[in-house]
Amino acid sequence: MEKVLLSLINSLHDSQKGLADIGEHLKDEVLKRYFFAESLKRANFRGELENELHRHGIADVNETGTASGTVQRVWGDLKAKLGGGDHTLLETAEQGEDSAKDAYADALQQELPLPLHQLLSEQQEQVLLSHDYVRKHRDALAAK
């Protein structure tokens, strides 16, 4: 259980930072606010998972994110600096959301206590909704 939660916490760390970074570069104010709100939700999800670890006696949770998450954020920043518009940033965000989706899918395949499985399922539902929102807006910008 500890390994599963730590992996998800690191994925959420990447997701939170990535959403906030992309939100800073978006020109569309509605999308910008959405990305900042989603970043805060990911921070909340991390807190919920850290609380679960604390309840099971694990006091030190060192969240560093993942190497691939760091690379993705740097790549997104580079795209923004090179003049990539909202469509390009949404493509990068969708890739990040794909990583979050995969992390939850992997975690939910593990043997977990029912309350923890339910918590992860609820969080996963929000991640899936966010992914679909980002993809929908990316496609709408591509169609313009």
Foldseek 3Di string as FASTA:
>chain_A
DVVLLLLLLLLLVLLLVLLQLLLVLAPDPVSSVVSNVVSVVSVVLSVVSQVVVVVVPNPDRDHDHDPVSVVLSVVLVVCSVVPNHNLVSLVSSLVSLVSSLVSLVVSLVDDDPPVVNVSSVVVSVVSVVVSVVSVVVSVVVVVD
